[in-house]
Amino acid sequence: MPRIDAHQHFWKFDSVRDNWITDDMSVIQKDFLPVDLHPLLQKNKFDGCVVVQSDQSEGENIFQLINAEENDFIKGIVGWVDLQSELVEERLEHYQSFKKIKGFRHVLQGESDRALMLRPSFKRGISLLNKYDFTFDILIFPDQLPYSSELVKAFPDQPFVIDHIAKPDIKNKNISEWESDMEIIAQYENVYCKISGMITEADKNRSKEDFTPYMDVVIKSFGTKRIMFGSDWPVCLLAASYDEVVNITQEYFSSFSQNEQQLFFGENASTFYKLS
C-alpha cells in the first residue's frame, strides 16, 4: 500500500502575495518546490504526496498542475476556486478535466466572518462539488468547529476533511471544548481528519507527550479509517524538521496494528482523494 503525505505546499515566495508569511517566519520566506520535498519523501519512505493550495487564486491551480505534470510523486492537488462566484459550476467543469485536481480549499480560518461557510452563496458552491467528484478541505480554528458541523451535516454525500485537527491550542494545553466539538463533527461519516499541523500549534519547549492527548481525541472520535497523515511541509519548518514531524506520529502509531498504520500513512488518503 502506498505511503502518502496528504498535506504539503509548494510556492515561489512572493512577499506581497504571501503576506501571511511574516518576518518572524523568515525560515519559510523563500521558494519551496518539488525538488526540495522529493528527497524528504524518499528518506521517510513516502511514495507520494497531496499538494494543498496556499494562495487563493486560480493561478495557484495552474502552478500546482505544472508541478504535478513534471513530478509523478505528486499524486493529487487540492486547489482553490471562488465557491461564492455565480460562475463556480463552469470552473468546476473546467477543472474536472485535470485528473490530479482532487478537491478544493478555502482559508476559512482567516475570514473575519467566522461563519462564512454557512452563507447561502458559499453553500451553493459546496453543493456542486460532489457532482464533479471533488473533495473539500476544511481549514479552520477551533471556534469554527460548530459552524463546520452545521456545514457537513447539510451535505452528507460530500467528502470533507478537517485540516490540522482544527488547530487546537496545544501550546496552552486547552483541550476540553475542542474535544467536545471534534466528537460532534466526527459523528458525520463523510468527514475525515488530517493529523497534521500540530507542531506549529505547540510550545517551542514541547515534548512528544504534548501531542498525545490530542491524537487520542482524534482516534477516539474518527477511528482509524477516517484519519490521514500530513506533514504540513514547509510550514512545519517553523517549529521542526520534516523527519521530526514524521517521527512524532510514527512513534504514536507504533503500538497500532500494521493494517491501522497503513490506513493512516496512505490508504485512507488514497481512498479519500481517489489517488491512482
Protein backbone atom coordinates (compact mmCIF):
# COMPACT_ATOMS: atom_id res chain seq x y z
CA MET A 1 0.00 0.00 0.00
CA PRO A 2 1.48 3.42 -0.92
CA ARG A 3 2.63 5.79 1.84
CA ILE A 4 1.22 9.26 1.21
CA ASP A 5 1.94 12.65 2.77
CA ALA A 6 -1.60 14.03 2.45
CA HIS A 7 -0.81 17.68 3.18
CA GLN A 8 2.07 19.85 1.99
CA HIS A 9 2.67 23.03 -0.02
CA PHE A 10 4.86 24.42 -2.80
CA TRP A 11 5.40 28.08 -3.55
CA LYS A 12 7.69 30.56 -5.25
CA PHE A 13 7.89 33.12 -2.46
CA ASP A 14 6.29 36.47 -3.22
CA SER A 15 6.33 38.92 -0.29
CA VAL A 16 3.15 40.71 -1.43
CA ARG A 17 1.05 37.67 -2.31
CA ASP A 18 2.39 35.58 0.59
CA ASN A 19 1.99 38.31 3.20
CA TRP A 20 0.77 35.68 5.70
CA ILE A 21 4.44 34.64 5.88
CA THR A 22 5.56 37.42 8.22
CA ASP A 23 9.14 38.45 9.07
CA ASP A 24 9.16 36.30 12.21
CA MET A 25 8.66 33.35 9.84
CA SER A 26 11.81 34.14 7.85
CA VAL A 27 12.78 30.45 7.68
CA ILE A 28 9.99 29.93 5.12
CA GLN A 29 10.37 33.27 3.29
CA LYS A 30 11.83 31.50 0.25
CA ASP A 31 10.90 29.12 -2.56
CA PHE A 32 9.80 25.57 -1.72
CA LEU A 33 9.49 23.35 -4.76
CA PRO A 34 9.12 19.64 -5.64
CA VAL A 35 12.90 19.26 -5.91
CA ASP A 36 13.15 20.25 -2.22
CA LEU A 37 10.48 17.85 -0.99
CA HIS A 38 11.29 14.74 -3.01
CA PRO A 39 14.42 13.69 -1.04
CA LEU A 40 12.49 14.09 2.24
CA LEU A 41 9.69 11.87 0.97
CA GLN A 42 12.20 9.26 -0.18
CA LYS A 43 14.11 9.32 3.10
CA ASN A 44 10.88 8.74 5.03
CA LYS A 45 9.66 6.06 2.58
CA PHE A 46 6.71 8.04 1.20
CA ASP A 47 5.60 7.13 -2.32
CA GLY A 48 3.83 10.40 -2.99
CA CYS A 49 2.04 13.46 -1.68
CA VAL A 50 -1.00 15.69 -1.98
CA VAL A 51 -0.18 19.37 -2.51
CA VAL A 52 -2.62 21.84 -0.95
CA GLN A 53 -3.22 25.43 -2.06
CA SER A 54 -1.60 28.25 -0.11
CA ASP A 55 -2.73 31.08 -2.40
CA GLN A 56 -6.40 31.83 -3.07
CA SER A 57 -6.23 32.28 -6.82
CA GLU A 58 -6.76 30.12 -9.86
CA GLY A 59 -3.18 30.92 -10.82
CA GLU A 60 -2.26 28.64 -7.90
CA ASN A 61 -4.04 25.75 -9.63
CA ILE A 62 -2.02 26.28 -12.81
CA PHE A 63 1.25 26.43 -10.81
CA GLN A 64 0.47 23.19 -8.98
CA LEU A 65 -0.72 21.46 -12.17
CA ILE A 66 2.66 22.22 -13.78
CA ASN A 67 4.43 20.86 -10.68
CA ALA A 68 2.31 17.69 -10.81
CA GLU A 69 2.87 17.23 -14.54
CA GLU A 70 6.63 17.37 -14.06
CA ASN A 71 6.73 15.25 -10.87
CA ASP A 72 4.89 11.95 -10.76
CA PHE A 73 5.22 11.70 -6.96
CA ILE A 74 2.62 14.50 -6.68
CA LYS A 75 -0.47 12.31 -6.66
CA GLY A 76 -3.13 14.94 -6.04
CA ILE A 77 -3.83 18.67 -5.84
CA VAL A 78 -6.21 20.50 -3.51
CA GLY A 79 -6.73 23.76 -5.35
CA TRP A 80 -8.84 26.90 -5.00
CA VAL A 81 -11.95 28.21 -6.72
CA ASP A 82 -14.25 31.03 -5.75
CA LEU A 83 -17.07 28.96 -4.29
CA GLN A 84 -19.23 32.07 -3.93
CA SER A 85 -18.99 33.01 -7.60
CA GLU A 86 -22.07 32.67 -9.78
CA LEU A 87 -19.77 31.02 -12.33
CA VAL A 88 -18.42 28.39 -9.94
CA GLU A 89 -20.03 25.50 -11.81
CA GLU A 90 -18.26 26.48 -15.04
CA ARG A 91 -14.95 26.47 -13.18
CA LEU A 92 -15.61 23.06 -11.59
CA GLU A 93 -16.49 21.68 -15.00
CA HIS A 94 -13.21 23.08 -16.33
CA TYR A 95 -11.12 21.52 -13.54
CA GLN A 96 -12.82 18.16 -13.89
CA SER A 97 -10.66 17.50 -16.96
CA PHE A 98 -7.46 17.67 -14.85
CA LYS A 99 -7.20 14.26 -13.20
CA LYS A 100 -4.76 15.35 -10.49
CA ILE A 101 -7.07 18.07 -9.13
CA LYS A 102 -8.89 16.16 -6.41
CA GLY A 103 -10.61 18.92 -4.48
CA PHE A 104 -10.58 22.47 -3.21
CA ARG A 105 -9.94 24.51 -0.09
CA HIS A 106 -10.79 27.97 1.20
CA VAL A 107 -8.81 29.64 4.00
CA LEU A 108 -11.82 29.86 6.32
CA GLN A 109 -9.58 30.32 9.37
CA GLY A 110 -8.61 33.79 8.10
CA GLU A 111 -12.12 35.10 7.44
CA SER A 112 -13.50 37.88 9.65
CA ASP A 113 -16.94 36.32 9.22
CA ARG A 114 -16.30 33.18 11.27
CA ALA A 115 -19.47 31.59 9.85
CA LEU A 116 -18.71 32.44 6.20
CA MET A 117 -19.09 28.75 5.30
CA LEU A 118 -22.81 28.99 6.16
CA ARG A 119 -23.55 31.83 3.75
CA PRO A 120 -26.01 30.69 1.04
CA SER A 121 -23.52 31.63 -1.70
CA PHE A 122 -20.75 29.51 -0.13
CA LYS A 123 -23.08 26.59 0.49
CA ARG A 124 -24.21 26.75 -3.12
CA GLY A 125 -20.60 26.28 -4.20
CA ILE A 126 -20.15 23.37 -1.79
CA SER A 127 -23.37 21.78 -3.10
CA LEU A 128 -21.82 21.49 -6.58
CA LEU A 129 -18.53 19.81 -5.60
CA ASN A 130 -19.88 16.27 -5.36
CA LYS A 131 -21.40 16.47 -8.85
CA TYR A 132 -17.85 16.86 -10.21
CA ASP A 133 -16.31 14.36 -7.78
CA PHE A 134 -14.36 16.95 -5.76
CA THR A 135 -13.46 16.86 -2.07
CA PHE A 136 -13.31 19.84 0.31
CA ASP A 137 -10.58 20.58 2.87
CA ILE A 138 -11.87 22.45 5.94
CA LEU A 139 -9.18 24.86 7.22
CA ILE A 140 -10.44 26.39 10.46
CA PHE A 141 -9.61 27.36 14.01
CA PRO A 142 -11.46 25.63 16.90
CA ASP A 143 -14.02 28.46 17.24
CA GLN A 144 -15.34 27.49 13.79
CA LEU A 145 -15.94 23.81 14.54
CA PRO A 146 -19.65 24.32 15.42
CA TYR A 147 -20.24 26.11 12.08
CA SER A 148 -18.34 23.34 10.29
CA SER A 149 -20.59 20.70 11.90
CA GLU A 150 -23.59 22.56 10.53
CA LEU A 151 -21.99 22.66 7.06
CA VAL A 152 -21.08 18.97 6.86
CA LYS A 153 -24.50 17.96 8.20
CA ALA A 154 -26.13 19.81 5.27
CA PHE A 155 -24.12 17.82 2.68
CA PRO A 156 -23.99 14.17 3.81
CA ASP A 157 -22.73 12.91 0.43
CA GLN A 158 -19.89 15.43 0.16
CA PRO A 159 -16.44 14.20 1.28
CA PHE A 160 -14.86 16.67 3.75
CA VAL A 161 -11.55 16.56 5.60
CA ILE A 162 -10.54 18.74 8.55
CA ASP A 163 -7.02 20.12 8.12
CA HIS A 164 -4.58 20.20 11.04
CA ILE A 165 -7.06 18.67 13.55
CA ALA A 166 -8.72 22.15 13.52
CA LYS A 167 -5.64 23.76 15.13
CA PRO A 168 -6.30 23.28 18.85
CA ASP A 169 -4.38 25.38 21.41
CA ILE A 170 -1.72 22.76 22.16
CA LYS A 171 0.64 25.44 23.47
CA ASN A 172 -1.62 26.20 26.45
CA LYS A 173 -2.94 22.63 26.71
CA ASN A 174 -6.54 23.78 26.08
CA ILE A 175 -8.44 20.67 25.05
CA SER A 176 -11.94 20.23 26.54
CA GLU A 177 -14.06 22.49 24.30
CA TRP A 178 -12.14 21.46 21.19
CA GLU A 179 -12.55 17.81 22.19
CA SER A 180 -16.34 18.01 22.52
CA ASP A 181 -16.65 19.90 19.22
CA MET A 182 -14.46 17.30 17.45
CA GLU A 183 -16.61 14.49 18.84
CA ILE A 184 -19.70 16.20 17.39
CA ILE A 185 -18.30 16.75 13.88
CA ALA A 186 -16.81 13.23 13.78
CA GLN A 187 -20.32 11.79 14.05
CA TYR A 188 -20.78 12.70 10.37
CA GLU A 189 -19.20 9.84 8.46
CA ASN A 190 -18.44 11.95 5.39
CA VAL A 191 -15.81 13.81 7.45
CA TYR A 192 -12.15 12.75 7.69
CA CYS A 193 -9.37 14.39 9.73
CA LYS A 194 -5.73 15.13 8.93
CA ILE A 195 -3.32 14.64 11.79
CA SER A 196 -1.13 17.47 10.59
CA GLY A 197 -0.07 20.97 11.56
CA MET A 198 0.21 20.15 15.26
CA ILE A 199 3.85 21.12 15.60
CA THR A 200 3.24 24.82 14.88
CA GLU A 201 0.42 24.97 17.47
CA ALA A 202 2.68 23.69 20.26
CA ASP A 203 5.12 25.41 22.59
CA LYS A 204 8.74 25.79 21.48
CA ASN A 205 9.79 23.71 24.52
CA ARG A 206 7.41 20.91 23.65
CA SER A 207 7.79 17.20 24.24
CA LYS A 208 6.30 14.40 22.15
CA GLU A 209 3.88 13.72 25.00
CA ASP A 210 2.23 17.13 24.48
CA PHE A 211 0.64 15.81 21.28
CA THR A 212 -0.61 12.50 22.68
CA PRO A 213 -3.91 13.70 24.25
CA TYR A 214 -4.84 15.48 21.01
CA MET A 215 -4.15 12.44 18.85
CA ASP A 216 -6.05 10.33 21.39
CA VAL A 217 -9.12 12.54 20.86
CA VAL A 218 -8.88 12.28 17.06
CA ILE A 219 -8.59 8.48 17.17
CA LYS A 220 -11.41 8.16 19.69
CA SER A 221 -13.65 10.42 17.56
CA PHE A 222 -12.79 9.40 13.98
CA GLY A 223 -11.46 5.87 14.41
CA THR A 224 -8.61 4.61 12.22
CA LYS A 225 -10.39 4.65 8.83
CA ARG A 226 -11.01 8.42 8.60
CA ILE A 227 -7.62 9.83 9.56
CA MET A 228 -4.56 10.63 7.45
CA PHE A 229 -1.00 11.83 7.89
CA GLY A 230 0.09 15.26 6.67
CA SER A 231 3.47 16.92 7.24
CA ASP A 232 2.34 20.50 6.54
CA TRP A 233 5.80 21.00 4.99
CA PRO A 234 7.28 23.58 4.64
CA VAL A 235 5.15 25.39 7.26
CA CYS A 236 6.25 22.74 9.77
CA LEU A 237 9.83 24.04 9.42
CA LEU A 238 8.84 26.98 11.64
CA ALA A 239 8.92 24.51 14.51
CA ALA A 240 10.51 21.21 13.44
CA SER A 241 12.18 19.25 10.66
CA TYR A 242 10.20 17.03 8.30
CA ASP A 243 11.75 13.98 9.97
CA GLU A 244 10.65 15.10 13.44
CA VAL A 245 7.04 15.58 12.31
CA VAL A 246 7.02 12.06 10.86
CA ASN A 247 8.67 10.62 13.98
CA ILE A 248 6.08 12.09 16.37
CA THR A 249 3.24 10.32 14.56
CA GLN A 250 5.21 7.14 13.82
CA GLU A 251 6.05 6.75 17.48
CA TYR A 252 2.43 7.31 18.48
CA PHE A 253 1.12 4.80 15.94
CA SER A 254 3.84 2.19 16.62
CA SER A 255 1.50 0.35 19.02
CA PHE A 256 -1.25 0.15 16.38
CA SER A 257 -1.64 -2.86 14.07
CA GLN A 258 0.19 -2.95 10.74
CA ASN A 259 -3.13 -2.53 8.95
CA GLU A 260 -4.07 0.55 11.03
CA GLN A 261 -0.68 2.11 10.35
CA GLN A 262 -1.12 1.53 6.61
CA LEU A 263 -4.55 3.17 6.76
CA PHE A 264 -3.16 6.26 8.49
CA PHE A 265 0.02 6.60 6.43
CA GLY A 266 -1.57 6.24 3.00
CA GLU A 267 -4.58 4.06 2.42
CA ASN A 268 -7.14 6.50 3.85
CA ALA A 269 -5.69 9.40 1.83
CA SER A 270 -5.75 7.25 -1.32
CA THR A 271 -9.40 6.39 -0.68
CA PHE A 272 -10.49 9.93 0.21
CA TYR A 273 -8.73 11.70 -2.66
CA LYS A 274 -9.11 8.77 -5.12
CA LEU A 275 -5.38 8.73 -5.83
CA SER A 276 -4.14 6.47 -8.60
